[in-house]
Amino acid sequence: SASVPASASVPVPASASVPASAPVSASTPAPSYHPHNERPAPMPLHRSRHNRLLGGVCGGLAHWLGWNPTLVRILFVLVSILSAGFPGTIVYIVLWILMPLSDDR
């Protein structure tokens, strides 16, 4: 029986090898465009005309977040009372001034 020397190797076709100098990105295809890959346009933040008790800030935040307005009001009051670092009244007034009123009537 014939013995094969340890230095012998199996021949590899030239098309199967990648030269060491080839960039990695050359072998990976670019991501394809698909209309479902895009994010929807962000919904604008407005004060609510319909869900308002004072200025419509919590109602607008609730609409923007997709939450119940009562839940947003309760959380806003709880965070304002329980946190010394969250000045709820000042934040509410600033948001009241900065947030535009919604257009839907």
Protein backbone atom coordinates (compact mmCIF):
# COMPACT_ATOMS: atom_id res chain seq x y z
CA SER A 1 0.00 0.00 0.00
CA ALA A 2 1.21 3.46 -0.85
CA SER A 3 1.52 6.04 1.90
CA VAL A 4 0.56 9.68 1.43
CA PRO A 5 2.98 12.20 2.87
CA ALA A 6 1.57 14.55 5.55
CA SER A 7 2.48 17.61 3.48
CA ALA A 8 0.26 16.52 0.58
CA SER A 9 -3.06 18.33 0.28
CA VAL A 10 -6.23 17.87 -1.66
CA PRO A 11 -6.44 20.27 -4.63
CA VAL A 12 -9.07 23.00 -4.24
CA PRO A 13 -10.64 24.62 -7.31
CA ALA A 14 -9.72 28.29 -7.79
CA SER A 15 -13.37 29.36 -7.73
CA ALA A 16 -13.84 27.92 -4.22
CA SER A 17 -11.09 29.91 -2.54
CA VAL A 18 -11.32 33.55 -1.53
CA PRO A 19 -8.15 35.59 -1.69
CA ALA A 20 -7.01 37.00 1.64
CA SER A 21 -7.09 40.54 0.24
CA ALA A 22 -10.80 40.35 -0.74
CA PRO A 23 -13.08 42.53 1.43
CA VAL A 24 -15.64 40.70 3.53
CA SER A 25 -18.51 42.85 2.27
CA ALA A 26 -17.85 41.78 -1.32
CA SER A 27 -19.32 38.36 -0.60
CA THR A 28 -22.40 39.59 1.29
CA PRO A 29 -25.31 40.96 -0.73
CA ALA A 30 -26.70 44.40 0.01
CA PRO A 31 -30.01 44.40 1.92
CA SER A 32 -32.94 44.49 -0.43
CA TYR A 33 -35.63 47.16 -0.26
CA HIS A 34 -39.03 46.03 0.90
CA PRO A 35 -41.90 48.43 1.67
CA HIS A 36 -42.68 46.65 4.94
CA ASN A 37 -39.14 47.25 6.24
CA GLU A 38 -39.80 50.98 6.61
CA ARG A 39 -41.06 52.40 9.88
CA PRO A 40 -44.36 54.25 9.79
CA ALA A 41 -44.19 58.02 10.04
CA PRO A 42 -44.15 59.13 13.68
CA MET A 43 -47.43 60.48 14.96
CA PRO A 44 -47.19 64.14 16.02
CA LEU A 45 -47.57 64.99 19.69
CA HIS A 46 -50.53 67.34 20.23
CA ARG A 47 -52.72 68.38 23.14
CA SER A 48 -56.12 66.73 22.99
CA ARG A 49 -59.29 68.72 22.32
CA HIS A 50 -61.56 65.87 23.45
CA ASN A 51 -59.72 64.13 26.33
CA ARG A 52 -58.92 67.18 28.41
CA LEU A 53 -59.51 68.02 32.02
CA LEU A 54 -57.22 71.03 32.21
CA GLY A 55 -55.01 71.67 29.19
CA GLY A 56 -55.25 68.39 27.26
CA VAL A 57 -51.61 67.46 27.89
CA CYS A 58 -52.27 64.04 29.46
CA GLY A 59 -54.97 63.29 26.89
CA GLY A 60 -52.55 64.15 24.08
CA LEU A 61 -49.79 62.04 25.62
CA ALA A 62 -52.24 59.15 26.01
CA HIS A 63 -53.31 59.39 22.36
CA TRP A 64 -49.67 59.58 21.23
CA LEU A 65 -48.74 56.52 23.33
CA GLY A 66 -51.92 54.62 22.49
CA TRP A 67 -52.85 54.39 26.19
CA ASN A 68 -55.95 55.14 28.21
CA PRO A 69 -56.05 58.87 29.18
CA THR A 70 -57.12 58.04 32.75
CA LEU A 71 -54.07 55.78 33.17
CA VAL A 72 -51.74 58.54 31.93
CA ARG A 73 -53.32 61.05 34.35
CA ILE A 74 -52.98 58.66 37.31
CA LEU A 75 -49.35 57.86 36.44
CA PHE A 76 -48.53 61.56 35.98
CA VAL A 77 -49.97 62.43 39.41
CA LEU A 78 -48.29 59.45 41.12
CA VAL A 79 -44.89 60.24 39.62
CA SER A 80 -45.32 63.91 40.55
CA ILE A 81 -46.17 63.09 44.17
CA LEU A 82 -43.75 60.22 44.77
CA SER A 83 -40.72 61.73 43.04
CA ALA A 84 -38.92 64.74 44.41
CA GLY A 85 -36.96 65.04 41.15
CA PHE A 86 -40.04 65.32 38.90
CA PRO A 87 -41.72 68.71 39.26
CA GLY A 88 -45.08 67.70 37.78
CA THR A 89 -46.73 71.11 37.82
CA ILE A 90 -43.82 72.80 36.05
CA VAL A 91 -43.55 69.98 33.47
CA TYR A 92 -47.31 70.16 32.81
CA ILE A 93 -47.22 73.93 32.29
CA VAL A 94 -44.20 73.70 29.98
CA LEU A 95 -45.87 70.94 27.94
CA TRP A 96 -49.10 72.98 27.85
CA ILE A 97 -47.17 75.87 26.32
CA LEU A 98 -45.00 73.83 23.93
CA MET A 99 -47.49 71.21 22.67
CA PRO A 100 -49.73 72.47 19.86
CA LEU A 101 -53.48 71.87 20.07
CA SER A 102 -54.74 69.07 17.82
CA ASP A 103 -56.51 69.99 14.60
CA ASP A 104 -59.36 67.45 14.83
CA ARG A 105 -62.58 69.02 16.02
